[in-house]
Amino acid sequence: MLIKLATKSLLDRKSSVLLSCIAMTISIFVLLGVEHIRKESKESFSSTISGADLIVGARSGQLNLLLYSVFRLGAPVNNISWRSYQEVSSNSSVAWTIPLSLGDSHKGFRVLGTNNDYFKHFQYGKKTPLSFEQGGQFKETYDVVLGSEVAARLNYQIGDPIVLSHGIGETSFTIHDKHPFAISGLLMPTGTPVDQTVHVKLEGIEAIHQDGKASELELQPESITAFIVGLKSRVATFRLQREISETQSEPLMAILPGVALSELWRMLAFLEDTLRLISSMVFVAALLGLAAMMASTIRERKHEIHLLRILGAPPSFLFILFQVEALLISITSLLAGSALLAISLVASQKQISAQLGLHLGANPFSLSSVVIGVSVIAATMIVASLPALQAYKQAKTLS
């Protein structure tokens, strides 16, 4: 009966209630959206690479090395020599290495030069290896393997020819159209930057830059961008890291992916806190608007309050009635805000993935969203207690 009465009362004031619901819905959408994007972004970054002990590149900041070698963001400050790569690869504590060469692109997608060790040893998520949806790894010099997003957006199939461009921008004035590549494999989706990457052989990269006139022996690269290292035992991690950093022949640095990611989160902590504060202030503003709306209607509802008192309703009943009305508004707004966020995520998922390389799940429901939902309801009830108390006092004066 109480819920039915509260619902009817809200419907009688549908214009002002609707405005309050819209304000609450938008604020909840922002609250849940900020938390979801923060959580999913961290998971997306953290799941990009696993099973790698070290990443080696030219000496610079460890965060810069991580971003361009793993996430394809930014550009390397310098390359490292093939000789240095071979020296580290031959170390007795090294189990495997994956060379990485960046610098070219195809229709806005990054091109990564590597070898078949990439498909053998690269892992993402919880040590999940790469797998092929169609075709397989490199066999010929001009073979290319596409990430799932590249193949889907450009509608490529096995055997299709593609042409690389120099540079990492979407527009390039140097196109290697004399030496087209042929697609040999399409990778399964990974939810990582691998999906937006065009993979080619290191020898293929060398061939197009030497105008294809070199012999197979001469196609060995002189330098690469970076390389990933897997060790036989993690006990040797810090020793090898120190040895690489102390190399005299070339300024190198070796980073631990997990440590570099921790540095990234520390740098972004201020931004996270700022976004949370802004979203919280939006919600507080919506709450105050709700309280103001409920308080302003008390004078209009004087006849309703008087009638309920005549029917025998105690002042506490009026207090509870106002609280139930606020509860209905908050639950309705919470459901609407969650639905709006889910729809927005589904609609923008592909665009965010293509432009930012972030893979955001379309399901906004998680433990953190439940905590936010409970907090929203609790905060609404606390704020609504002020007009509810005012209604209680007015009911007592009518006794």
Protein backbone atom coordinates (compact mmCIF):
# COMPACT_ATOMS: atom_id res chain seq x y z
CA MET A 1 0.00 0.00 0.00
CA LEU A 2 2.79 2.42 0.89
CA ILE A 3 4.59 1.84 -2.42
CA LYS A 4 1.32 2.19 -4.36
CA LEU A 5 0.54 5.45 -2.60
CA ALA A 6 4.06 6.77 -3.19
CA THR A 7 3.89 5.84 -6.87
CA LYS A 8 0.55 7.60 -7.33
CA SER A 9 1.87 10.66 -5.53
CA LEU A 10 4.90 10.79 -7.83
CA LEU A 11 2.72 10.42 -10.92
CA ASP A 12 0.59 13.35 -9.78
CA ARG A 13 3.75 15.48 -9.87
CA LYS A 14 5.22 13.83 -12.96
CA SER A 15 6.76 16.98 -14.51
CA SER A 16 9.00 17.89 -11.57
CA VAL A 17 9.68 14.22 -10.77
CA LEU A 18 10.70 13.55 -14.37
CA LEU A 19 13.21 16.42 -14.29
CA SER A 20 14.68 15.08 -11.03
CA CYS A 21 14.89 11.57 -12.52
CA ILE A 22 16.68 12.89 -15.62
CA ALA A 23 19.22 14.77 -13.48
CA MET A 24 19.77 11.71 -11.28
CA THR A 25 20.05 9.41 -14.32
CA ILE A 26 22.72 11.57 -15.93
CA SER A 27 24.71 11.83 -12.70
CA ILE A 28 24.55 8.06 -12.16
CA PHE A 29 25.55 7.51 -15.81
CA VAL A 30 28.63 9.67 -15.22
CA LEU A 31 29.46 7.97 -11.91
CA LEU A 32 29.19 4.45 -13.31
CA GLY A 33 30.85 5.43 -16.59
CA VAL A 34 33.94 6.90 -14.95
CA GLU A 35 34.37 3.88 -12.71
CA HIS A 36 33.78 1.40 -15.55
CA ILE A 37 36.22 3.11 -17.92
CA ARG A 38 38.84 3.35 -15.17
CA LYS A 39 38.50 -0.33 -14.29
CA GLU A 40 38.31 -1.60 -17.88
CA SER A 41 41.24 0.56 -19.00
CA LYS A 42 43.45 -0.92 -16.30
CA GLU A 43 42.39 -4.44 -17.20
CA SER A 44 42.91 -3.74 -20.91
CA PHE A 45 46.44 -2.45 -20.32
CA SER A 46 47.33 -5.17 -17.82
CA SER A 47 46.14 -7.99 -20.08
CA THR A 48 48.07 -6.80 -23.14
CA ILE A 49 51.16 -8.83 -22.39
CA SER A 50 51.91 -11.65 -19.96
CA GLY A 51 54.69 -14.16 -19.54
CA ALA A 52 57.35 -11.63 -20.56
CA ASP A 53 60.15 -11.02 -18.09
CA LEU A 54 61.90 -8.06 -19.73
CA ILE A 55 61.45 -5.58 -22.55
CA VAL A 56 64.68 -4.23 -23.99
CA GLY A 57 65.09 -1.05 -26.04
CA ALA A 58 67.09 2.11 -26.44
CA ARG A 59 67.79 3.98 -23.23
CA SER A 60 64.90 6.34 -22.44
CA GLY A 61 62.06 6.37 -19.91
CA GLN A 62 60.72 2.94 -19.00
CA LEU A 63 57.16 4.12 -19.53
CA ASN A 64 57.95 5.36 -23.03
CA LEU A 65 59.56 2.02 -23.90
CA LEU A 66 56.53 0.11 -22.62
CA LEU A 67 54.05 2.29 -24.51
CA TYR A 68 55.61 2.12 -27.95
CA SER A 69 56.80 -1.50 -27.82
CA VAL A 70 53.67 -3.10 -26.35
CA PHE A 71 50.80 -0.65 -26.78
CA ARG A 72 51.92 0.90 -30.10
CA LEU A 73 51.58 4.37 -28.58
CA GLY A 74 54.12 7.08 -29.31
CA ALA A 75 57.40 6.60 -31.14
CA PRO A 76 60.80 5.21 -30.13
CA VAL A 77 63.61 7.67 -29.41
CA ASN A 78 66.11 5.41 -31.16
CA ASN A 79 66.66 1.91 -32.50
CA ILE A 80 69.00 -0.72 -31.14
CA SER A 81 71.49 -2.73 -33.18
CA TRP A 82 70.82 -6.27 -34.35
CA ARG A 83 74.15 -7.22 -32.81
CA SER A 84 72.98 -6.19 -29.33
CA TYR A 85 69.81 -8.21 -29.85
CA GLN A 86 71.84 -11.29 -30.76
CA GLU A 87 74.15 -10.85 -27.76
CA VAL A 88 71.24 -10.76 -25.30
CA SER A 89 69.47 -13.62 -27.09
CA SER A 90 72.53 -15.82 -26.73
CA ASN A 91 72.73 -15.26 -22.97
CA SER A 92 72.54 -18.57 -21.10
CA SER A 93 69.63 -17.40 -18.92
CA VAL A 94 67.42 -16.40 -21.88
CA ALA A 95 64.78 -18.91 -22.99
CA TRP A 96 63.34 -16.92 -25.93
CA THR A 97 63.20 -13.46 -27.46
CA ILE A 98 60.82 -11.63 -29.77
CA PRO A 99 62.29 -8.85 -31.97
CA LEU A 100 60.06 -5.84 -32.68
CA SER A 101 60.51 -3.32 -35.47
CA LEU A 102 58.15 -0.34 -35.82
CA GLY A 103 58.04 2.57 -38.25
CA ASP A 104 55.62 1.68 -41.04
CA SER A 105 51.85 1.62 -41.30
CA HIS A 106 48.94 0.46 -43.43
CA LYS A 107 45.84 2.66 -43.70
CA GLY A 108 46.36 4.04 -40.19
CA PHE A 109 47.26 0.70 -38.56
CA ARG A 110 50.74 0.14 -37.14
CA VAL A 111 53.02 -2.34 -38.90
CA LEU A 112 55.14 -4.56 -36.67
CA GLY A 113 58.17 -6.33 -38.07
CA THR A 114 58.99 -9.53 -36.21
CA ASN A 115 59.56 -13.26 -36.76
CA ASN A 116 57.63 -16.46 -36.05
CA ASP A 117 58.82 -16.45 -32.42
CA TYR A 118 56.18 -13.77 -31.94
CA PHE A 119 53.36 -16.23 -32.63
CA LYS A 120 55.09 -18.91 -30.60
CA HIS A 121 55.91 -17.00 -27.41
CA PHE A 122 53.77 -13.84 -27.22
CA GLN A 123 51.03 -14.18 -24.59
CA TYR A 124 48.25 -11.93 -23.33
CA GLY A 125 45.65 -12.03 -20.56
CA LYS A 126 46.35 -14.95 -18.24
CA LYS A 127 49.22 -16.37 -20.33
CA THR A 128 46.98 -17.02 -23.33
CA PRO A 129 48.95 -17.66 -26.54
CA LEU A 130 48.04 -16.16 -29.90
CA SER A 131 45.94 -18.32 -32.19
CA PHE A 132 44.90 -18.12 -35.83
CA GLU A 133 41.35 -17.77 -37.06
CA GLN A 134 42.51 -18.48 -40.63
CA GLY A 135 45.85 -19.28 -42.26
CA GLY A 136 49.09 -19.36 -40.34
CA GLN A 137 52.40 -17.72 -39.58
CA PHE A 138 55.06 -16.35 -41.95
CA LYS A 139 56.48 -18.60 -44.67
CA GLU A 140 57.62 -16.18 -47.35
CA THR A 141 59.42 -12.83 -47.15
CA TYR A 142 56.32 -10.86 -48.13
CA ASP A 143 53.85 -12.68 -45.92
CA VAL A 144 51.69 -10.62 -43.57
CA VAL A 145 49.54 -11.63 -40.59
CA LEU A 146 46.69 -9.32 -39.59
CA GLY A 147 45.13 -8.64 -36.23
CA SER A 148 41.40 -9.29 -36.06
CA GLU A 149 40.40 -5.60 -35.99
CA VAL A 150 42.47 -4.80 -39.08
CA ALA A 151 40.93 -7.67 -41.05
CA ALA A 152 37.40 -6.80 -39.94
CA ARG A 153 37.58 -3.06 -40.63
CA LEU A 154 39.35 -3.37 -43.99
CA ASN A 155 37.47 -6.53 -45.01
CA TYR A 156 40.62 -8.51 -45.83
CA GLN A 157 40.86 -12.23 -46.54
CA ILE A 158 43.67 -14.75 -46.90
CA GLY A 159 45.72 -14.10 -50.04
CA ASP A 160 44.69 -10.45 -50.44
CA PRO A 161 47.57 -8.10 -51.35
CA ILE A 162 48.35 -5.09 -49.16
CA VAL A 163 50.82 -2.26 -49.52
CA LEU A 164 52.73 -0.67 -46.64
CA SER A 165 53.44 3.03 -46.13
CA HIS A 166 56.41 4.66 -44.48
CA GLY A 167 55.66 6.39 -41.18
CA ILE A 168 52.98 5.83 -38.56
CA GLY A 169 50.40 8.40 -39.64
CA GLU A 170 47.24 7.73 -41.60
CA THR A 171 48.62 9.80 -44.50
CA SER A 172 52.03 9.01 -46.00
CA PHE A 173 53.87 10.33 -49.05
CA THR A 174 56.08 7.23 -49.28
CA ILE A 175 54.18 4.13 -50.32
CA HIS A 176 56.00 0.85 -50.93
CA ASP A 177 53.70 -0.15 -53.76
CA LYS A 178 56.45 -1.92 -55.73
CA HIS A 179 56.52 -4.71 -53.15
CA PRO A 180 53.00 -5.74 -52.08
CA PHE A 181 52.57 -8.23 -49.26
CA ALA A 182 50.16 -11.16 -49.28
CA ILE A 183 48.02 -12.06 -46.28
CA SER A 184 49.03 -15.46 -44.90
CA GLY A 185 47.11 -15.45 -41.63
CA LEU A 186 44.34 -13.80 -39.61
CA LEU A 187 44.63 -13.83 -35.82
CA MET A 188 41.81 -14.51 -33.39
CA PRO A 189 40.60 -11.48 -31.40
CA THR A 190 42.65 -10.81 -28.26
CA GLY A 191 41.23 -7.58 -26.88
CA THR A 192 44.74 -6.07 -27.03
CA PRO A 193 46.70 -3.82 -29.47
CA VAL A 194 47.56 -7.02 -31.36
CA ASP A 195 44.10 -6.74 -32.93
CA GLN A 196 45.06 -3.38 -34.53
CA THR A 197 48.48 -4.52 -35.75
CA VAL A 198 49.76 -5.57 -39.17
CA HIS A 199 52.52 -8.17 -38.64
CA VAL A 200 55.24 -8.71 -41.25
CA LYS A 201 58.60 -10.47 -41.35
CA LEU A 202 61.69 -8.49 -40.42
CA GLU A 203 63.13 -9.54 -43.77
CA GLY A 204 60.08 -8.09 -45.50
CA ILE A 205 60.65 -4.73 -43.80
CA GLU A 206 64.26 -4.75 -44.96
CA ALA A 207 63.31 -5.78 -48.50
CA ILE A 208 60.90 -2.89 -49.11
CA HIS A 209 63.41 -0.36 -47.79
CA GLN A 210 66.18 -1.80 -49.96
CA ASP A 211 63.91 -1.72 -53.02
CA GLY A 212 63.82 -5.51 -53.08
CA LYS A 213 67.25 -5.87 -54.69
CA ALA A 214 69.03 -7.47 -51.74
CA SER A 215 69.75 -11.16 -51.31
CA GLU A 216 68.24 -13.23 -48.48
CA LEU A 217 71.48 -12.87 -46.48
CA GLU A 218 71.43 -9.10 -46.86
CA LEU A 219 67.86 -8.92 -45.59
CA GLN A 220 69.03 -9.40 -42.02
CA PRO A 221 68.13 -6.13 -40.24
CA GLU A 222 70.82 -3.80 -39.02
CA SER A 223 68.62 -2.53 -36.21
CA ILE A 224 65.25 -3.09 -34.52
CA THR A 225 63.04 -1.03 -32.24
CA ALA A 226 62.99 -3.29 -29.19
CA PHE A 227 62.63 -6.90 -28.15
CA ILE A 228 60.82 -8.96 -25.54
CA VAL A 229 62.72 -11.44 -23.38
CA GLY A 230 61.54 -14.60 -21.65
CA LEU A 231 63.89 -16.16 -19.11
CA LYS A 232 64.50 -19.76 -18.11
CA SER A 233 64.23 -18.70 -14.47
CA ARG A 234 62.91 -15.46 -13.04
CA VAL A 235 65.70 -15.54 -10.50
CA ALA A 236 67.95 -14.17 -13.24
CA THR A 237 65.68 -11.23 -14.04
CA PHE A 238 67.45 -8.51 -12.07
CA ARG A 239 70.92 -9.79 -12.89
CA LEU A 240 70.23 -9.72 -16.63
CA GLN A 241 68.50 -6.35 -16.34
CA ARG A 242 71.61 -4.93 -14.72
CA GLU A 243 73.90 -6.49 -17.33
CA ILE A 244 71.87 -5.02 -20.18
CA SER A 245 71.79 -1.56 -18.57
CA GLU A 246 75.57 -1.67 -18.13
CA THR A 247 76.29 -2.63 -21.74
CA GLN A 248 79.20 -0.51 -22.97
CA SER A 249 78.78 -0.95 -26.72
CA GLU A 250 75.32 0.63 -26.84
CA PRO A 251 73.01 2.53 -24.44
CA LEU A 252 70.31 -0.05 -23.68
CA MET A 253 67.71 -0.42 -20.99
CA ALA A 254 65.64 -3.37 -19.83
CA ILE A 255 62.35 -2.90 -18.04
CA LEU A 256 59.96 -5.16 -16.16
CA PRO A 257 56.50 -4.76 -17.74
CA GLY A 258 54.71 -4.98 -14.38
CA VAL A 259 56.88 -2.29 -12.79
CA ALA A 260 56.39 0.02 -15.78
CA LEU A 261 52.61 -0.47 -15.59
CA SER A 262 52.69 0.41 -11.88
CA GLU A 263 54.44 3.65 -12.79
CA LEU A 264 51.73 4.36 -15.35
CA TRP A 265 48.98 3.88 -12.75
CA ARG A 266 50.79 6.19 -10.33
CA MET A 267 50.97 8.87 -13.01
CA LEU A 268 47.28 8.49 -13.79
CA ALA A 269 46.16 8.41 -10.14
CA PHE A 270 45.64 12.19 -10.03
CA LEU A 271 43.53 12.07 -13.20
CA GLU A 272 41.45 9.22 -11.79
CA ASP A 273 40.82 11.12 -8.55
CA THR A 274 39.88 14.27 -10.49
CA LEU A 275 37.35 12.40 -12.64
CA ARG A 276 35.87 10.74 -9.56
CA LEU A 277 35.57 14.11 -7.83
CA ILE A 278 33.84 15.68 -10.85
CA SER A 279 31.39 12.81 -11.19
CA SER A 280 30.68 12.92 -7.44
CA MET A 281 29.98 16.66 -7.59
CA VAL A 282 27.54 16.08 -10.48
CA PHE A 283 25.74 13.50 -8.35
CA VAL A 284 25.66 15.79 -5.31
CA ALA A 285 24.12 18.52 -7.45
CA ALA A 286 21.43 16.09 -8.63
CA LEU A 287 20.74 15.05 -5.02
CA LEU A 288 20.35 18.64 -3.90
CA GLY A 289 17.97 19.20 -6.81
CA LEU A 290 15.92 16.22 -5.68
CA ALA A 291 15.80 17.47 -2.10
CA ALA A 292 14.78 20.94 -3.28
CA MET A 293 12.01 19.48 -5.44
CA MET A 294 10.62 17.41 -2.57
CA ALA A 295 10.82 20.30 -0.13
CA SER A 296 9.10 22.71 -2.51
CA THR A 297 6.14 20.36 -2.94
CA ILE A 298 5.34 20.12 0.78
CA ARG A 299 3.25 23.30 0.69
CA GLU A 300 1.44 22.01 -2.44
CA ARG A 301 0.77 18.72 -0.66
CA LYS A 302 -0.67 20.31 2.48
CA HIS A 303 -4.14 19.07 1.54
CA GLU A 304 -2.79 15.54 0.92
CA ILE A 305 -1.00 15.53 4.28
CA HIS A 306 -4.12 16.81 6.04
CA LEU A 307 -6.26 14.10 4.41
CA LEU A 308 -3.85 11.35 5.44
CA ARG A 309 -3.92 12.64 9.02
CA ILE A 310 -7.74 12.57 9.01
CA LEU A 311 -7.59 8.94 7.82
CA GLY A 312 -5.44 8.15 10.84
CA ALA A 313 -1.94 8.14 9.37
CA PRO A 314 0.62 9.05 12.07
CA PRO A 315 3.35 11.65 11.36
CA SER A 316 5.88 8.83 11.04
CA PHE A 317 3.85 7.50 8.08
CA LEU A 318 4.42 10.80 6.24
CA PHE A 319 8.13 10.61 6.98
CA ILE A 320 8.32 7.07 5.57
CA LEU A 321 6.17 8.03 2.55
CA PHE A 322 8.62 10.73 1.54
CA GLN A 323 11.51 8.33 1.98
CA VAL A 324 9.81 5.71 -0.19
CA GLU A 325 9.21 8.30 -2.91
CA ALA A 326 12.92 9.20 -2.87
CA LEU A 327 13.79 5.50 -2.94
CA LEU A 328 11.61 4.93 -6.02
CA ILE A 329 13.21 7.90 -7.79
CA SER A 330 16.74 6.68 -6.98
CA ILE A 331 16.06 3.08 -8.06
CA THR A 332 14.41 4.24 -11.30
CA SER A 333 17.32 6.60 -12.01
CA LEU A 334 19.84 3.88 -11.16
CA LEU A 335 18.25 1.44 -13.59
CA ALA A 336 17.95 4.09 -16.29
CA GLY A 337 21.56 5.26 -15.81
CA SER A 338 22.87 1.69 -15.96
CA ALA A 339 20.85 0.94 -19.10
CA LEU A 340 22.04 4.17 -20.74
CA LEU A 341 25.65 3.28 -19.95
CA ALA A 342 25.27 -0.24 -21.34
CA ILE A 343 23.75 1.10 -24.57
CA SER A 344 26.50 3.71 -24.89
CA LEU A 345 29.22 1.09 -24.39
CA VAL A 346 27.75 -1.20 -27.04
CA ALA A 347 27.39 1.71 -29.49
CA SER A 348 30.91 3.10 -28.95
CA GLN A 349 32.87 -0.09 -28.24
CA LYS A 350 34.30 -0.52 -31.75
CA GLN A 351 35.11 3.16 -32.16
CA ILE A 352 36.95 3.35 -28.84
CA SER A 353 38.85 0.17 -29.69
CA ALA A 354 39.86 1.50 -33.11
CA GLN A 355 40.84 5.02 -32.03
CA LEU A 356 42.28 4.46 -28.56
CA GLY A 357 43.19 0.78 -28.57
CA LEU A 358 41.13 0.27 -25.43
CA HIS A 359 38.78 -2.68 -25.18
CA LEU A 360 35.95 -1.76 -22.85
CA GLY A 361 33.53 -4.47 -21.85
CA ALA A 362 29.90 -3.72 -22.65
CA ASN A 363 28.70 -5.05 -19.29
CA PRO A 364 28.77 -2.21 -16.73
CA PHE A 365 27.75 -4.45 -13.83
CA SER A 366 30.53 -5.37 -11.41
CA LEU A 367 31.27 -5.31 -7.70
CA SER A 368 32.26 -1.63 -7.92
CA SER A 369 29.00 -0.76 -9.70
CA VAL A 370 27.05 -2.54 -6.95
CA VAL A 371 28.91 -0.50 -4.33
CA ILE A 372 28.12 2.69 -6.25
CA GLY A 373 24.46 1.65 -6.54
CA VAL A 374 24.14 1.02 -2.80
CA SER A 375 25.92 4.32 -2.09
CA VAL A 376 23.55 6.16 -4.42
CA ILE A 377 20.49 4.74 -2.66
CA ALA A 378 21.92 5.45 0.79
CA ALA A 379 22.88 9.03 -0.14
CA THR A 380 19.43 9.63 -1.62
CA MET A 381 17.74 8.41 1.55
CA ILE A 382 19.93 10.64 3.71
CA VAL A 383 19.27 13.75 1.60
CA ALA A 384 15.55 12.95 1.36
CA SER A 385 15.32 12.77 5.15
CA LEU A 386 15.40 16.59 5.29
CA PRO A 387 12.13 17.18 3.35
CA ALA A 388 10.72 14.02 4.98
CA LEU A 389 11.42 15.50 8.41
CA GLN A 390 9.76 18.74 7.31
CA ALA A 391 6.68 16.76 6.25
CA TYR A 392 6.74 14.96 9.62
CA LYS A 393 6.76 18.25 11.54
CA GLN A 394 3.93 19.65 9.44
CA ALA A 395 1.87 16.51 10.05
CA LYS A 396 2.37 16.91 13.80
CA THR A 397 1.03 20.44 13.69
CA LEU A 398 -2.17 19.08 12.19
CA SER A 399 -2.76 16.65 15.04
